[in-house]
Amino acid sequence: MIDPGVLAAILVVGAASYAMRACGFLAAGALPESGLVPRLLRLAPGNLFIAFLAAGCAAGGWPSLAGALAAFAAMVVTKREWAALAAGFAAAAAASAMLSVS
């Protein structure tokens, strides 16, 4: 049996999510197409990616940093996501293995 409180929470969160997306869409449509704000919004995905990457590397230590650097290098050289993922995972695993031995 589904708990009514859980169902209500799911519905409220879904409605809030939809409302935020709809309002964001409407607000983005009201922005001018040139100027400082649209330029900053175009830069936001890259800034968010770097913030998540930095937090992950700080939490994961040297193996995470080695994996990130190897993935970046492989992406620059090959321009292939799968090669970058493989290189990143391999470098992180190797760095983790080397640190656990010492």
N, C-alpha and C. Protein backbone atom coordinates (compact mmCIF):
# COMPACT_ATOMS: atom_id res chain seq x y z
N MET A 1 0.84 -1.18 0.00
CA MET A 1 0.00 0.00 0.00
C MET A 1 0.88 1.24 0.00
N ILE A 2 0.54 2.20 -0.80
CA ILE A 2 1.32 3.44 -0.90
C ILE A 2 0.92 4.37 0.24
N ASP A 3 1.92 4.87 0.92
CA ASP A 3 1.70 5.82 2.01
C ASP A 3 1.23 7.15 1.43
N PRO A 4 0.11 7.69 1.89
CA PRO A 4 -0.39 8.96 1.35
C PRO A 4 0.58 10.12 1.54
N GLY A 5 1.34 10.11 2.63
CA GLY A 5 2.32 11.17 2.85
C GLY A 5 3.42 11.15 1.82
N VAL A 6 3.88 9.94 1.46
CA VAL A 6 4.93 9.81 0.45
C VAL A 6 4.39 10.24 -0.91
N LEU A 7 3.19 9.82 -1.24
CA LEU A 7 2.59 10.21 -2.51
C LEU A 7 2.40 11.72 -2.59
N ALA A 8 1.97 12.34 -1.49
CA ALA A 8 1.80 13.80 -1.46
C ALA A 8 3.14 14.50 -1.65
N ALA A 9 4.19 13.98 -1.00
CA ALA A 9 5.52 14.58 -1.14
C ALA A 9 6.01 14.49 -2.58
N ILE A 10 5.79 13.34 -3.21
CA ILE A 10 6.21 13.17 -4.61
C ILE A 10 5.46 14.15 -5.51
N LEU A 11 4.18 14.31 -5.30
CA LEU A 11 3.39 15.23 -6.11
C LEU A 11 3.81 16.68 -5.90
N VAL A 12 4.07 17.06 -4.64
CA VAL A 12 4.50 18.43 -4.35
C VAL A 12 5.86 18.73 -4.98
N VAL A 13 6.79 17.79 -4.86
CA VAL A 13 8.12 18.00 -5.45
C VAL A 13 8.02 18.06 -6.97
N GLY A 14 7.19 17.21 -7.56
CA GLY A 14 6.99 17.25 -9.01
C GLY A 14 6.39 18.56 -9.47
N ALA A 15 5.39 19.04 -8.75
CA ALA A 15 4.78 20.32 -9.11
C ALA A 15 5.76 21.48 -8.95
N ALA A 16 6.55 21.45 -7.89
CA ALA A 16 7.54 22.51 -7.69
C ALA A 16 8.60 22.48 -8.79
N SER A 17 9.03 21.28 -9.17
CA SER A 17 10.02 21.15 -10.24
C SER A 17 9.47 21.69 -11.56
N TYR A 18 8.24 21.32 -11.88
CA TYR A 18 7.63 21.81 -13.11
C TYR A 18 7.48 23.33 -13.07
N ALA A 19 7.05 23.87 -11.94
CA ALA A 19 6.86 25.32 -11.82
C ALA A 19 8.19 26.06 -12.00
N MET A 20 9.25 25.54 -11.42
CA MET A 20 10.56 26.20 -11.56
C MET A 20 11.03 26.15 -13.01
N ARG A 21 10.84 25.03 -13.68
CA ARG A 21 11.24 24.94 -15.09
C ARG A 21 10.42 25.89 -15.96
N ALA A 22 9.12 25.92 -15.73
CA ALA A 22 8.26 26.79 -16.52
C ALA A 22 8.60 28.26 -16.30
N CYS A 23 8.80 28.65 -15.05
CA CYS A 23 9.16 30.04 -14.76
C CYS A 23 10.54 30.38 -15.32
N GLY A 24 11.47 29.45 -15.26
CA GLY A 24 12.78 29.68 -15.85
C GLY A 24 12.70 29.86 -17.35
N PHE A 25 11.88 29.06 -17.99
CA PHE A 25 11.69 29.20 -19.44
C PHE A 25 11.09 30.55 -19.78
N LEU A 26 10.09 30.98 -19.02
CA LEU A 26 9.48 32.28 -19.27
C LEU A 26 10.45 33.42 -18.99
N ALA A 27 11.23 33.31 -17.92
CA ALA A 27 12.20 34.35 -17.59
C ALA A 27 13.29 34.44 -18.65
N ALA A 28 13.74 33.29 -19.15
CA ALA A 28 14.77 33.29 -20.20
C ALA A 28 14.24 33.92 -21.48
N GLY A 29 12.97 33.73 -21.76
CA GLY A 29 12.38 34.35 -22.95
C GLY A 29 12.27 35.85 -22.84
N ALA A 30 12.23 36.37 -21.62
CA ALA A 30 12.11 37.81 -21.42
C ALA A 30 13.47 38.53 -21.43
N LEU A 31 14.56 37.76 -21.36
CA LEU A 31 15.89 38.39 -21.35
C LEU A 31 16.26 38.93 -22.72
N PRO A 32 17.03 40.00 -22.77
CA PRO A 32 17.52 40.46 -24.07
C PRO A 32 18.52 39.46 -24.64
N GLU A 33 18.68 39.47 -25.96
CA GLU A 33 19.57 38.50 -26.59
C GLU A 33 21.03 38.92 -26.56
N SER A 34 21.31 40.16 -26.21
CA SER A 34 22.70 40.61 -26.12
C SER A 34 22.87 41.35 -24.80
N GLY A 35 24.10 41.42 -24.37
CA GLY A 35 24.38 42.11 -23.12
C GLY A 35 25.12 41.21 -22.14
N LEU A 36 25.28 41.70 -20.93
CA LEU A 36 26.07 41.01 -19.92
C LEU A 36 25.40 39.75 -19.40
N VAL A 37 24.11 39.81 -19.07
CA VAL A 37 23.43 38.66 -18.47
C VAL A 37 23.39 37.46 -19.41
N PRO A 38 23.01 37.60 -20.67
CA PRO A 38 23.03 36.43 -21.56
C PRO A 38 24.44 35.86 -21.74
N ARG A 39 25.45 36.74 -21.77
CA ARG A 39 26.82 36.27 -21.90
C ARG A 39 27.24 35.46 -20.68
N LEU A 40 26.88 35.90 -19.49
CA LEU A 40 27.20 35.16 -18.27
C LEU A 40 26.46 33.82 -18.23
N LEU A 41 25.21 33.81 -18.68
CA LEU A 41 24.46 32.56 -18.68
C LEU A 41 25.02 31.54 -19.66
N ARG A 42 25.59 32.01 -20.76
CA ARG A 42 26.23 31.09 -21.70
C ARG A 42 27.50 30.49 -21.10
N LEU A 43 28.16 31.20 -20.19
CA LEU A 43 29.37 30.70 -19.55
C LEU A 43 29.08 29.78 -18.37
N ALA A 44 27.87 29.78 -17.86
CA ALA A 44 27.53 29.03 -16.64
C ALA A 44 27.81 27.53 -16.74
N PRO A 45 27.46 26.82 -17.82
CA PRO A 45 27.72 25.38 -17.83
C PRO A 45 29.20 25.04 -17.65
N GLY A 46 30.08 25.77 -18.28
CA GLY A 46 31.50 25.52 -18.10
C GLY A 46 31.97 25.79 -16.68
N ASN A 47 31.46 26.87 -16.10
CA ASN A 47 31.83 27.19 -14.71
C ASN A 47 31.33 26.13 -13.75
N LEU A 48 30.12 25.64 -13.96
CA LEU A 48 29.58 24.59 -13.10
C LEU A 48 30.39 23.30 -13.25
N PHE A 49 30.78 22.97 -14.47
CA PHE A 49 31.58 21.77 -14.69
C PHE A 49 32.91 21.86 -13.93
N ILE A 50 33.57 23.00 -14.02
CA ILE A 50 34.85 23.17 -13.33
C ILE A 50 34.65 23.10 -11.82
N ALA A 51 33.57 23.67 -11.31
CA ALA A 51 33.30 23.61 -9.87
C ALA A 51 33.10 22.17 -9.41
N PHE A 52 32.33 21.38 -10.16
CA PHE A 52 32.13 19.98 -9.79
C PHE A 52 33.43 19.19 -9.91
N LEU A 53 34.21 19.48 -10.94
CA LEU A 53 35.49 18.79 -11.12
C LEU A 53 36.43 19.10 -9.98
N ALA A 54 36.52 20.36 -9.59
CA ALA A 54 37.41 20.74 -8.49
C ALA A 54 36.99 20.09 -7.18
N ALA A 55 35.68 20.07 -6.92
CA ALA A 55 35.19 19.44 -5.69
C ALA A 55 35.46 17.95 -5.70
N GLY A 56 35.27 17.30 -6.82
CA GLY A 56 35.54 15.86 -6.92
C GLY A 56 37.01 15.54 -6.75
N CYS A 57 37.87 16.36 -7.35
CA CYS A 57 39.32 16.13 -7.21
C CYS A 57 39.78 16.39 -5.78
N ALA A 58 39.20 17.39 -5.14
CA ALA A 58 39.57 17.67 -3.75
C ALA A 58 39.12 16.54 -2.83
N ALA A 59 37.94 15.99 -3.07
CA ALA A 59 37.44 14.90 -2.22
C ALA A 59 38.15 13.59 -2.52
N GLY A 60 38.51 13.36 -3.77
CA GLY A 60 39.11 12.08 -4.16
C GLY A 60 40.61 12.02 -4.03
N GLY A 61 41.25 13.15 -3.90
CA GLY A 61 42.71 13.18 -3.72
C GLY A 61 43.46 12.96 -5.02
N TRP A 62 44.67 12.45 -4.88
CA TRP A 62 45.56 12.29 -6.03
C TRP A 62 45.01 11.37 -7.11
N PRO A 63 44.38 10.25 -6.77
CA PRO A 63 43.83 9.41 -7.86
C PRO A 63 42.79 10.15 -8.72
N SER A 64 41.96 10.94 -8.10
CA SER A 64 40.96 11.70 -8.87
C SER A 64 41.61 12.75 -9.75
N LEU A 65 42.61 13.41 -9.22
CA LEU A 65 43.32 14.41 -10.01
C LEU A 65 44.04 13.76 -11.19
N ALA A 66 44.69 12.62 -10.95
CA ALA A 66 45.36 11.91 -12.04
C ALA A 66 44.36 11.48 -13.11
N GLY A 67 43.21 10.99 -12.70
CA GLY A 67 42.18 10.58 -13.66
C GLY A 67 41.65 11.75 -14.46
N ALA A 68 41.42 12.88 -13.80
CA ALA A 68 40.92 14.06 -14.50
C ALA A 68 41.94 14.58 -15.52
N LEU A 69 43.20 14.61 -15.11
CA LEU A 69 44.24 15.09 -16.04
C LEU A 69 44.41 14.14 -17.22
N ALA A 70 44.37 12.84 -16.96
CA ALA A 70 44.49 11.87 -18.05
C ALA A 70 43.30 11.95 -18.99
N ALA A 71 42.10 12.11 -18.44
CA ALA A 71 40.91 12.23 -19.29
C ALA A 71 40.99 13.50 -20.14
N PHE A 72 41.44 14.59 -19.54
CA PHE A 72 41.58 15.84 -20.29
C PHE A 72 42.59 15.68 -21.42
N ALA A 73 43.74 15.09 -21.12
CA ALA A 73 44.78 14.90 -22.14
C ALA A 73 44.28 14.00 -23.28
N ALA A 74 43.60 12.92 -22.92
CA ALA A 74 43.08 12.01 -23.95
C ALA A 74 42.01 12.70 -24.80
N MET A 75 41.20 13.53 -24.19
CA MET A 75 40.16 14.25 -24.95
C MET A 75 40.78 15.25 -25.91
N VAL A 76 41.84 15.94 -25.46
CA VAL A 76 42.51 16.90 -26.33
C VAL A 76 43.13 16.19 -27.53
N VAL A 77 43.76 15.04 -27.28
CA VAL A 77 44.46 14.32 -28.34
C VAL A 77 43.50 13.59 -29.27
N THR A 78 42.53 12.86 -28.71
CA THR A 78 41.69 11.99 -29.55
C THR A 78 40.35 12.59 -29.93
N LYS A 79 39.85 13.55 -29.18
CA LYS A 79 38.52 14.14 -29.39
C LYS A 79 37.41 13.08 -29.28
N ARG A 80 37.64 12.03 -28.50
CA ARG A 80 36.67 10.95 -28.32
C ARG A 80 36.37 10.79 -26.83
N GLU A 81 35.07 10.83 -26.49
CA GLU A 81 34.67 10.73 -25.09
C GLU A 81 35.06 9.40 -24.47
N TRP A 82 34.86 8.32 -25.22
CA TRP A 82 35.15 6.99 -24.67
C TRP A 82 36.63 6.81 -24.40
N ALA A 83 37.49 7.36 -25.26
CA ALA A 83 38.93 7.27 -25.02
C ALA A 83 39.30 8.07 -23.77
N ALA A 84 38.68 9.24 -23.61
CA ALA A 84 38.96 10.05 -22.43
C ALA A 84 38.48 9.37 -21.16
N LEU A 85 37.30 8.76 -21.21
CA LEU A 85 36.80 8.03 -20.05
C LEU A 85 37.71 6.86 -19.69
N ALA A 86 38.12 6.10 -20.69
CA ALA A 86 38.99 4.96 -20.44
C ALA A 86 40.32 5.41 -19.86
N ALA A 87 40.91 6.46 -20.42
CA ALA A 87 42.19 6.96 -19.92
C ALA A 87 42.04 7.49 -18.50
N GLY A 88 40.96 8.19 -18.23
CA GLY A 88 40.73 8.73 -16.89
C GLY A 88 40.55 7.64 -15.85
N PHE A 89 39.72 6.63 -16.17
CA PHE A 89 39.52 5.54 -15.23
C PHE A 89 40.81 4.76 -15.01
N ALA A 90 41.56 4.51 -16.09
CA ALA A 90 42.81 3.76 -15.96
C ALA A 90 43.82 4.53 -15.11
N ALA A 91 43.94 5.82 -15.33
CA ALA A 91 44.89 6.62 -14.55
C ALA A 91 44.48 6.69 -13.09
N ALA A 92 43.19 6.85 -12.83
CA ALA A 92 42.73 6.90 -11.44
C ALA A 92 42.95 5.56 -10.75
N ALA A 93 42.70 4.45 -11.45
CA ALA A 93 42.92 3.13 -10.86
C ALA A 93 44.40 2.89 -10.60
N ALA A 94 45.25 3.29 -11.55
CA ALA A 94 46.69 3.11 -11.37
C ALA A 94 47.21 3.96 -10.20
N ALA A 95 46.77 5.21 -10.12
CA ALA A 95 47.21 6.07 -9.03
C ALA A 95 46.72 5.54 -7.68
N SER A 96 45.49 5.04 -7.66
CA SER A 96 44.95 4.48 -6.42
C SER A 96 45.72 3.24 -6.00
N ALA A 97 46.06 2.39 -6.98
CA ALA A 97 46.84 1.18 -6.67
C ALA A 97 48.23 1.54 -6.17
N MET A 98 48.86 2.52 -6.77
CA MET A 98 50.21 2.92 -6.33
C MET A 98 50.17 3.51 -4.93
N LEU A 99 49.13 4.27 -4.60
CA LEU A 99 49.04 4.85 -3.28
C LEU A 99 48.70 3.81 -2.21
N SER A 100 47.96 2.77 -2.57
CA SER A 100 47.60 1.77 -1.58
C SER A 100 48.77 0.83 -1.29
N VAL A 101 49.74 0.72 -2.20
CA VAL A 101 50.91 -0.12 -1.99
C VAL A 101 51.85 0.54 -0.98
N SER A 102 51.99 1.85 -1.07
CA SER A 102 52.93 2.54 -0.18
C SER A 102 52.38 2.82 1.17
